[in-house]
Structure formats: C-alpha cells, structure tokens
Amino acid sequence: MESTIYLDYAATSPMYPEVIEVMSEAMQTTFGNASSIHQFGRKSRGYLDEARAIFARSIHAKSNEIIITSGGSESDNTAILKTAEKYESLGKHIITTNIEHEAVLKPMKYLESKGFDVTYLPADKDGFVSAEQVKAALRNDTILVSIMSGNNEVGSIMPIAEIGSILKNSNPAVVFHTDAVQSYGSQDIDVDEMNIDLLSVSAHKIGGPKGIGFLYCRENIKLPSLILGGEQETKRRAGTENIPAIIGFQKAVELMMKDKKQRNAYYRKLKEKLVNNLKQAGVDLEINGSYDSSLPHIVSLHLKGIDAERLLIHLDLAGIAVSTGSACTAGNVDPSHVLSAMFGVDHPAISETVRISLGLGTTEEDIENVVIELSNIIKRLK
C-alpha cells in the first residue's frame, strides 16, 4: 500500500487541524503566567477560565469543580490516592475492577502496600461488571469505588449511572470515581444525574494535545493536591498552567460536543463494514466483548489461529497501524490483563487478538483497504 492507515485511536489520536491552529497562535501571543496580575497574566487567566467553563459544561458540572491536570494518569492517581488519604480514618476498603487501566490498577496496588484492602470485581466474558456486583461488595469501611466508564481494549460500557445510584444511597456514603478517558469523546456524561464524584479525562484521546487533561471533583470533596508547590488551581494542583495546551484542549472539546451523535453513527457504520467484509473474505474471527454495548470506535477481534504479534508486524510493513490485545512496554510484551480477566490466561484469544480503533480521518476506503491487506496477510501466515 502506498499510503498509511492509522487505526489505533484508542491509544492516541492525531490533533484536529483547528486545535493545531489555535495552539500555534497561542504559543506566539499568549505567554503570560495565569497567576500574574499584570495584563499578560490576566490574558492567560481569561483563556484558562473560559476553557474551564467549557470542560465543565461538557459533563454538566460547575467550573469550580474542574481541576486541570497533565492527563488521565495524573487525574486517576489524584482521585484514588488522595481520596484514600483523606478518608482513611473512615475506612480502608476500596472497590475497583480487574480490567481497569494501569493508571488505576497501579495506584490500587500501591495502596494495598500501605494497608488498604482492595476488592477487584471480576469482569464477565463480555468485559462487563454489574451494579449488583458493586452493591454486594460494599462494606461499612468502603470509602471509594473506582470503575471505568468504557474499557480501552474491548470497549465495554459500564453501568455507571446504576452504580452511582447505588452509591448515592449507601450508608455510609462512598466516593465514586470513574476513569472516562476512553469514553469521554463518545458517551454523554452528566455527573449529577450519574452521581459521579470524581471523573478523569485526557485531551489526546479526542483530537487534543498530549500532556493535558482534567479531573472533575465534586465541590463538597476537598482533595489534597497530588503535586505540591504553588497555589494554582485554587491550591488543588501545583504547577504553572500550560495555556496553549489548555486552549487546544478547549477547541477539541468544542469540536467533540458539536458532532458527537453523527460521529458515533459513522464509527458504528465503519465497524460493521469492517467485521462484515472480513467475514465475507473468509477470515475466521470472533468479536471480544459485546458488539452492541461497546464504545462506537473500538472493536477487539480474535483472529483464530493467527499470532497477533506477527500479524501486527506484517500490517505495520503494509502501512497499517493497529494494536494487539497485549500491553507492550520497552519491547516486553505481557498478556492483556483485560482479555485474561475475561477468558482466562490460557485462552487462545490472549495471543490472537487485534484491537482496531477508529477516529478522525478514518474513511470507508481505509476500511476496505485494511480488509484486503488483513485477509491477504492472514492467508500467508496460515
């Protein structure tokens, strides 16, 4: 293939051209420190306040409930570690799932080393955890529940509103955090209706820049700052604000909110075309998770009898970027903890899965070309 095709948007997305444009202008004209009282600082502060209002509006929150962070990992760490620190005197039990992102699971493991008791709810074969599981796991010493709203590998959408309703009525009250990094771009979120107390978002998943995100923190929950230093973000997150990135993030959110419904329908159409055309080409596959109750831009495919790592290399040589069902760090490939949790560690899907994720710029022609290349490569590998 002459051109390249990028289908790994669940990992990161290219920036919208409009985002690049506003960031480029901001880098040239807006350099003041938002904490300074002179006109340069006030100009930056104005952009910061405007962006915060847009972020809040996107999840039906208040502006003063938005904490600007460096992204999803910092937001998750702040929500989990600082909630545990603040409410430790009330209990040391936390509930999460066994298919969370590492930015949730690793803070949980850290807290376990500090004497906290963490319950990892098991996901079913479709990658779901039920509200009933959460209710059954609650204890008198439970202080925090952290459950992602949409899974980054198989796309399963969790019953966040049902869980929130249970936790709102629990006695004693329990803080509810959701990692919405993967779902924020496609799912409608109302933090009040869904009874969410803490919510993590990252800009680079929705066509914004890397290194910027936010943590929604309900105003009655006053968490200590994870990063110590200055008094930015009303003492909730130290560090000089990255105004050009914040402006870029705002633009990405505005574009996301503008055409979300049409974009979701388009992604579902492309996903259906991909699966149907692969089957028509004779590819032996199964969809991991639920096809209907999943994020519109993610499809996880078990390509039976095909080693995913070898397939990935061949696709890359053909100019096609997808990912496997594995986490690869510095060249070390570990089995996907999500697929292992869903199917068991010995299931063939663990080593025979590719994740294809759609986004800005994905076309029907891209899908058609991927089907041709993928089916031809699979025939050669067999």
Protein backbone atom coordinates (compact mmCIF):
# COMPACT_ATOMS: atom_id res chain seq x y z
CA MET A 1 0.00 0.00 0.00
CA GLU A 2 1.25 3.44 -0.89
CA SER A 3 -0.37 5.38 1.95
CA THR A 4 -0.54 4.68 5.64
CA ILE A 5 -3.71 3.94 7.58
CA TYR A 6 -3.90 4.75 11.28
CA LEU A 7 -6.38 2.64 13.26
CA ASP A 8 -5.06 2.97 16.80
CA TYR A 9 -7.09 5.93 18.04
CA ALA A 10 -7.78 4.24 21.38
CA ALA A 11 -4.05 4.64 22.08
CA THR A 12 -3.91 8.26 20.94
CA SER A 13 -5.38 10.47 18.25
CA PRO A 14 -3.83 12.99 15.88
CA MET A 15 -4.75 16.56 16.72
CA TYR A 16 -7.56 18.28 14.87
CA PRO A 17 -6.18 20.86 12.41
CA GLU A 18 -8.24 23.50 14.24
CA VAL A 19 -6.53 22.52 17.51
CA ILE A 20 -3.09 22.92 15.98
CA GLU A 21 -4.13 26.31 14.61
CA VAL A 22 -5.34 27.77 17.92
CA MET A 23 -2.35 26.33 19.80
CA SER A 24 0.11 27.78 17.30
CA GLU A 25 -1.46 31.20 17.68
CA ALA A 26 -1.48 30.90 21.49
CA MET A 27 2.19 29.92 21.60
CA GLN A 28 3.03 33.11 19.72
CA THR A 29 0.74 35.54 21.53
CA THR A 30 -0.20 34.16 24.96
CA PHE A 31 2.82 33.54 27.16
CA GLY A 32 1.83 35.21 30.44
CA ASN A 33 1.67 33.29 33.70
CA ALA A 34 -2.00 32.98 34.64
CA SER A 35 -1.07 33.69 38.27
CA SER A 36 0.44 37.09 37.42
CA ILE A 37 -1.69 40.19 37.98
CA HIS A 38 -0.38 42.25 35.03
CA GLN A 39 -2.13 42.33 31.66
CA PHE A 40 -0.15 39.36 30.25
CA GLY A 41 -1.17 37.22 33.20
CA ARG A 42 -4.77 38.41 33.07
CA LYS A 43 -4.98 37.47 29.40
CA SER A 44 -3.84 33.93 30.18
CA ARG A 45 -6.23 33.77 33.14
CA GLY A 46 -9.10 34.69 30.84
CA TYR A 47 -8.32 31.80 28.50
CA LEU A 48 -7.98 29.45 31.47
CA ASP A 49 -11.35 30.46 32.91
CA GLU A 50 -13.07 30.14 29.54
CA ALA A 51 -11.63 26.65 28.97
CA ARG A 52 -12.61 25.51 32.45
CA ALA A 53 -16.22 26.59 31.78
CA ILE A 54 -16.28 24.58 28.52
CA PHE A 55 -14.87 21.47 30.23
CA ALA A 56 -17.47 21.78 32.98
CA ARG A 57 -20.30 22.21 30.51
CA SER A 58 -19.29 19.04 28.65
CA ILE A 59 -20.11 16.91 31.71
CA HIS A 60 -22.79 19.17 33.27
CA ALA A 61 -20.53 20.22 36.14
CA LYS A 62 -19.63 23.57 37.71
CA SER A 63 -16.49 25.42 36.62
CA ASN A 64 -15.04 25.33 40.13
CA GLU A 65 -15.24 21.52 40.05
CA ILE A 66 -12.69 21.21 37.22
CA ILE A 67 -9.02 20.67 38.09
CA ILE A 68 -6.64 20.98 35.13
CA THR A 69 -4.08 18.14 35.13
CA SER A 70 -1.42 16.68 32.85
CA GLY A 71 -3.80 13.98 31.64
CA GLY A 72 -5.62 10.79 32.53
CA SER A 73 -2.89 9.16 34.59
CA GLU A 74 -2.48 12.16 36.89
CA SER A 75 -6.23 12.54 37.20
CA ASP A 76 -6.63 8.86 38.13
CA ASN A 77 -3.75 8.95 40.59
CA THR A 78 -5.05 12.12 42.24
CA ALA A 79 -8.58 10.75 42.55
CA ILE A 80 -7.53 7.41 44.02
CA LEU A 81 -4.52 8.24 46.17
CA LYS A 82 -5.85 11.48 47.60
CA THR A 83 -9.33 10.10 48.31
CA ALA A 84 -7.68 7.26 50.22
CA GLU A 85 -5.52 9.75 52.11
CA LYS A 86 -8.43 11.99 53.03
CA TYR A 87 -10.92 9.31 54.09
CA GLU A 88 -8.54 6.76 55.58
CA SER A 89 -9.88 7.45 59.09
CA LEU A 90 -13.35 6.30 57.94
CA GLY A 91 -12.19 3.02 56.42
CA LYS A 92 -9.56 1.38 54.23
CA HIS A 93 -11.67 -0.63 51.79
CA ILE A 94 -11.76 0.24 48.07
CA ILE A 95 -13.65 -1.39 45.19
CA THR A 96 -12.49 -1.47 41.56
CA THR A 97 -12.46 -3.98 38.67
CA ASN A 98 -9.83 -6.32 37.27
CA ILE A 99 -9.98 -4.69 33.82
CA GLU A 100 -9.12 -1.10 34.71
CA HIS A 101 -6.33 0.85 33.03
CA GLU A 102 -2.92 0.59 34.70
CA ALA A 103 -3.31 4.21 35.82
CA VAL A 104 -5.97 2.89 38.19
CA LEU A 105 -4.61 -0.58 38.96
CA LYS A 106 -1.10 0.56 39.94
CA PRO A 107 -2.30 3.17 42.47
CA MET A 108 -4.53 0.42 43.88
CA LYS A 109 -1.54 -1.89 44.27
CA TYR A 110 0.37 0.94 45.95
CA LEU A 111 -2.47 1.47 48.42
CA GLU A 112 -2.52 -2.26 49.17
CA SER A 113 1.13 -1.96 50.15
CA LYS A 114 0.06 0.76 52.59
CA GLY A 115 -2.50 -1.43 54.30
CA PHE A 116 -5.63 -0.74 52.26
CA ASP A 117 -7.94 -3.62 51.29
CA VAL A 118 -8.88 -3.53 47.58
CA THR A 119 -11.66 -5.65 46.08
CA TYR A 120 -11.16 -6.33 42.35
CA LEU A 121 -14.54 -7.15 40.85
CA PRO A 122 -14.19 -9.78 38.08
CA ALA A 123 -15.46 -8.83 34.64
CA ASP A 124 -17.59 -11.34 32.77
CA LYS A 125 -16.77 -12.89 29.38
CA ASP A 126 -18.02 -9.74 27.62
CA GLY A 127 -15.94 -7.37 29.75
CA PHE A 128 -18.72 -6.09 31.99
CA VAL A 129 -19.07 -5.57 35.72
CA SER A 130 -22.63 -5.20 37.07
CA ALA A 131 -24.07 -2.74 39.57
CA GLU A 132 -25.16 -5.77 41.61
CA GLN A 133 -21.53 -6.83 41.96
CA VAL A 134 -20.66 -3.40 43.33
CA LYS A 135 -23.60 -3.48 45.76
CA ALA A 136 -22.62 -6.93 47.02
CA ALA A 137 -19.01 -5.85 47.60
CA LEU A 138 -19.86 -2.77 49.68
CA ARG A 139 -18.81 -2.82 53.33
CA ASN A 140 -19.12 -0.45 56.27
CA ASP A 141 -15.46 0.54 55.78
CA THR A 142 -15.72 1.12 51.98
CA ILE A 143 -14.57 4.65 51.17
CA LEU A 144 -14.05 4.61 47.38
CA VAL A 145 -15.35 2.86 44.28
CA SER A 146 -13.36 3.38 41.06
CA ILE A 147 -14.82 1.85 37.88
CA MET A 148 -14.02 2.92 34.32
CA SER A 149 -16.93 4.08 32.19
CA GLY A 150 -15.62 2.47 28.98
CA ASN A 151 -12.90 -0.14 28.58
CA ASN A 152 -9.93 0.83 26.43
CA GLU A 153 -9.30 -2.67 24.99
CA VAL A 154 -12.71 -4.19 24.25
CA GLY A 155 -14.89 -1.08 24.55
CA SER A 156 -17.35 -2.44 27.11
CA ILE A 157 -19.54 0.33 28.56
CA MET A 158 -20.08 0.04 32.30
CA PRO A 159 -23.42 0.78 34.07
CA ILE A 160 -22.08 3.95 35.66
CA ALA A 161 -25.47 5.56 36.33
CA GLU A 162 -26.75 2.41 38.08
CA ILE A 163 -23.61 2.16 40.18
CA GLY A 164 -23.80 5.86 41.03
CA SER A 165 -27.39 5.46 42.18
CA ILE A 166 -26.46 2.59 44.49
CA LEU A 167 -23.53 4.51 45.98
CA LYS A 168 -25.57 7.67 46.48
CA ASN A 169 -27.98 5.75 48.66
CA SER A 170 -25.32 3.74 50.50
CA ASN A 171 -24.72 4.27 54.20
CA PRO A 172 -22.11 5.40 54.95
CA ALA A 173 -21.57 7.45 51.79
CA VAL A 174 -18.92 6.21 49.35
CA VAL A 175 -16.89 8.36 46.93
CA PHE A 176 -17.42 7.30 43.29
CA HIS A 177 -14.65 7.78 40.72
CA THR A 178 -14.80 6.83 37.05
CA ASP A 179 -11.96 6.81 34.53
CA ALA A 180 -13.70 8.32 31.49
CA VAL A 181 -10.54 8.75 29.40
CA GLN A 182 -11.69 6.34 26.68
CA SER A 183 -15.42 7.11 26.77
CA TYR A 184 -15.45 10.91 27.11
CA GLY A 185 -15.33 11.51 23.36
CA SER A 186 -18.39 9.40 22.55
CA GLN A 187 -20.59 9.00 25.63
CA ASP A 188 -22.93 11.58 27.14
CA ILE A 189 -21.91 12.29 30.73
CA ASP A 190 -23.93 14.11 33.37
CA VAL A 191 -22.05 13.92 36.66
CA ASP A 192 -25.10 14.92 38.72
CA GLU A 193 -27.55 12.53 37.08
CA MET A 194 -25.00 9.71 37.24
CA ASN A 195 -23.94 10.60 40.81
CA ILE A 196 -20.23 10.72 39.91
CA ASP A 197 -17.94 12.38 42.44
CA LEU A 198 -14.63 12.19 40.55
CA LEU A 199 -14.02 11.78 36.81
CA SER A 200 -10.82 11.59 34.76
CA VAL A 201 -10.37 12.91 31.20
CA SER A 202 -7.43 13.24 28.80
CA ALA A 203 -7.23 15.55 25.78
CA HIS A 204 -5.18 13.38 23.43
CA LYS A 205 -7.96 10.79 23.04
CA ILE A 206 -10.29 13.35 21.42
CA GLY A 207 -8.02 15.15 18.96
CA GLY A 208 -6.41 17.43 21.53
CA PRO A 209 -2.76 17.72 22.61
CA LYS A 210 -0.92 15.25 24.82
CA GLY A 211 0.04 16.20 28.36
CA ILE A 212 -3.22 17.89 29.33
CA GLY A 213 -6.46 16.68 30.91
CA PHE A 214 -8.78 17.39 33.78
CA LEU A 215 -10.16 15.85 36.94
CA TYR A 216 -13.75 16.61 37.83
CA CYS A 217 -14.02 16.80 41.62
CA ARG A 218 -17.44 17.39 43.19
CA GLU A 219 -17.25 20.63 45.18
CA ASN A 220 -18.01 19.03 48.54
CA ILE A 221 -14.98 16.72 48.18
CA LYS A 222 -11.87 18.71 49.02
CA LEU A 223 -8.93 16.54 47.99
CA PRO A 224 -5.32 17.40 48.89
CA SER A 225 -3.08 18.23 45.93
CA LEU A 226 -1.05 15.36 44.49
CA ILE A 227 1.62 17.79 43.25
CA LEU A 228 2.98 20.14 45.87
CA GLY A 229 4.26 23.62 45.09
CA GLY A 230 2.41 26.76 44.04
CA GLU A 231 -1.24 27.54 44.68
CA GLN A 232 -2.57 27.08 41.14
CA GLU A 233 -5.99 25.51 40.57
CA THR A 234 -7.14 27.02 43.89
CA LYS A 235 -4.45 25.03 45.71
CA ARG A 236 -5.61 21.74 44.18
CA ARG A 237 -2.82 21.19 41.62
CA ALA A 238 0.53 22.98 41.73
CA GLY A 239 2.36 23.96 38.54
CA THR A 240 2.20 26.81 36.03
CA GLU A 241 -0.70 26.22 33.65
CA ASN A 242 0.09 25.25 30.05
CA ILE A 243 -2.16 27.83 28.41
CA PRO A 244 -1.57 26.84 24.73
CA ALA A 245 -2.37 23.19 25.55
CA ILE A 246 -5.44 24.22 27.53
CA ILE A 247 -6.66 26.33 24.60
CA GLY A 248 -6.08 23.36 22.28
CA PHE A 249 -7.94 21.07 24.67
CA GLN A 250 -10.86 23.50 24.74
CA LYS A 251 -11.06 23.53 20.95
CA ALA A 252 -11.01 19.72 20.85
CA VAL A 253 -13.87 19.57 23.39
CA GLU A 254 -15.91 22.11 21.40
CA LEU A 255 -15.47 20.05 18.22
CA MET A 256 -16.27 16.83 20.11
CA MET A 257 -19.52 18.27 21.51
CA LYS A 258 -20.56 19.67 18.14
CA ASP A 259 -20.94 16.46 16.13
CA LYS A 260 -20.80 13.61 18.64
CA LYS A 261 -24.02 11.88 17.58
CA GLN A 262 -23.19 11.87 13.85
CA ARG A 263 -19.61 10.78 14.53
CA ASN A 264 -20.72 7.85 16.69
CA ALA A 265 -23.14 6.68 13.98
CA TYR A 266 -20.36 6.90 11.39
CA TYR A 267 -17.96 4.88 13.53
CA ARG A 268 -20.57 2.18 14.06
CA LYS A 269 -21.14 2.04 10.32
CA LEU A 270 -17.40 1.64 9.69
CA LYS A 271 -17.11 -1.00 12.41
CA GLU A 272 -19.97 -3.00 10.89
CA LYS A 273 -18.41 -2.73 7.45
CA LEU A 274 -15.07 -3.95 8.79
CA VAL A 275 -16.48 -7.02 10.52
CA ASN A 276 -18.86 -7.97 7.70
CA ASN A 277 -16.22 -7.58 4.98
CA LEU A 278 -13.67 -9.62 6.94
CA LYS A 279 -16.21 -12.42 7.33
CA GLN A 280 -17.07 -12.26 3.64
CA ALA A 281 -13.34 -12.54 2.90
CA GLY A 282 -13.28 -15.81 4.81
CA VAL A 283 -11.47 -14.56 7.93
CA ASP A 284 -12.26 -16.76 10.94
CA LEU A 285 -12.94 -14.29 13.75
CA GLU A 286 -14.88 -13.58 16.89
CA ILE A 287 -15.58 -10.21 18.47
CA ASN A 288 -14.22 -9.92 22.00
CA GLY A 289 -16.85 -8.41 24.24
CA SER A 290 -20.27 -7.13 23.28
CA TYR A 291 -20.60 -5.67 19.79
CA ASP A 292 -23.75 -3.69 20.59
CA SER A 293 -22.89 -2.45 24.11
CA SER A 294 -19.43 -1.16 23.33
CA LEU A 295 -17.81 2.18 22.56
CA PRO A 296 -18.50 3.02 18.90
CA HIS A 297 -14.86 3.48 17.90
CA ILE A 298 -13.36 0.25 19.31
CA VAL A 299 -13.56 -3.33 18.06
CA SER A 300 -11.45 -6.16 19.50
CA LEU A 301 -11.10 -9.10 17.12
CA HIS A 302 -10.00 -12.63 17.95
CA LEU A 303 -8.47 -13.80 14.65
CA LYS A 304 -8.44 -17.53 15.20
CA GLY A 305 -5.15 -19.33 14.67
CA ILE A 306 -3.22 -16.13 13.88
CA ASP A 307 -0.44 -14.89 16.14
CA ALA A 308 -1.28 -11.26 16.78
CA GLU A 309 2.31 -10.08 17.23
CA ARG A 310 3.37 -11.48 13.84
CA LEU A 311 0.25 -10.04 12.25
CA LEU A 312 0.96 -6.64 13.75
CA ILE A 313 4.43 -6.58 12.19
CA HIS A 314 3.09 -7.53 8.75
CA LEU A 315 0.37 -4.89 8.98
CA ASP A 316 2.91 -2.28 10.01
CA LEU A 317 5.05 -3.13 6.98
CA ALA A 318 1.92 -2.64 4.87
CA GLY A 319 1.44 0.82 6.41
CA ILE A 320 -1.44 -0.11 8.72
CA ALA A 321 -1.32 0.75 12.43
CA VAL A 322 -3.45 -1.29 14.84
CA SER A 323 -2.67 -2.74 18.26
CA THR A 324 -2.76 -6.18 19.81
CA GLY A 325 -4.61 -7.33 22.87
CA SER A 326 -1.33 -7.01 24.74
CA ALA A 327 0.46 -4.28 26.61
CA CYS A 328 3.94 -3.63 25.27
CA THR A 329 6.41 -1.64 27.30
CA ALA A 330 10.00 -1.13 26.18
CA GLY A 331 9.82 -4.20 23.95
CA ASN A 332 8.47 -6.51 26.66
CA VAL A 333 5.11 -7.96 25.68
CA ASP A 334 2.83 -9.05 28.51
CA PRO A 335 -0.53 -10.79 28.05
CA SER A 336 -3.50 -8.44 28.14
CA HIS A 337 -4.87 -8.35 31.68
CA VAL A 338 -8.26 -7.43 30.24
CA LEU A 339 -8.52 -10.46 27.95
CA SER A 340 -7.02 -12.69 30.64
CA ALA A 341 -9.71 -11.49 33.06
CA MET A 342 -12.47 -12.12 30.51
CA PHE A 343 -11.39 -15.51 29.15
CA GLY A 344 -8.74 -16.97 31.45
CA VAL A 345 -4.98 -16.89 30.99
CA ASP A 346 -4.82 -19.93 28.67
CA HIS A 347 -7.46 -18.84 26.17
CA PRO A 348 -6.17 -18.57 22.56
CA ALA A 349 -7.69 -15.08 22.23
CA ILE A 350 -4.94 -13.77 24.52
CA SER A 351 -2.34 -14.14 21.76
CA GLU A 352 -4.65 -13.93 18.73
CA THR A 353 -6.38 -10.58 19.25
CA VAL A 354 -6.01 -7.24 17.49
CA ARG A 355 -7.74 -4.04 18.55
CA ILE A 356 -8.87 -1.75 15.76
CA SER A 357 -9.97 1.72 16.82
CA LEU A 358 -11.42 4.43 14.61
CA GLY A 359 -11.23 8.20 14.68
CA LEU A 360 -10.75 11.48 12.89
CA GLY A 361 -9.95 10.84 9.24
CA THR A 362 -10.92 7.14 9.08
CA THR A 363 -12.72 6.54 5.78
CA GLU A 364 -14.70 3.70 4.20
CA GLU A 365 -11.85 3.33 1.71
CA ASP A 366 -9.46 2.82 4.63
CA ILE A 367 -11.65 0.01 5.94
CA GLU A 368 -11.83 -1.61 2.50
CA ASN A 369 -8.05 -1.47 2.10
CA VAL A 370 -7.47 -2.85 5.59
CA VAL A 371 -9.78 -5.79 4.88
CA ILE A 372 -7.86 -6.60 1.70
CA GLU A 373 -4.45 -6.39 3.37
CA LEU A 374 -5.54 -8.16 6.52
CA SER A 375 -7.15 -11.09 4.71
CA ASN A 376 -4.14 -11.48 2.40
CA ILE A 377 -1.67 -11.40 5.31
CA ILE A 378 -3.73 -13.96 7.25
CA LYS A 379 -3.73 -16.29 4.24
CA ARG A 380 0.09 -16.01 4.02
CA LEU A 381 0.52 -16.60 7.75
CA LYS A 382 -1.68 -19.70 7.62
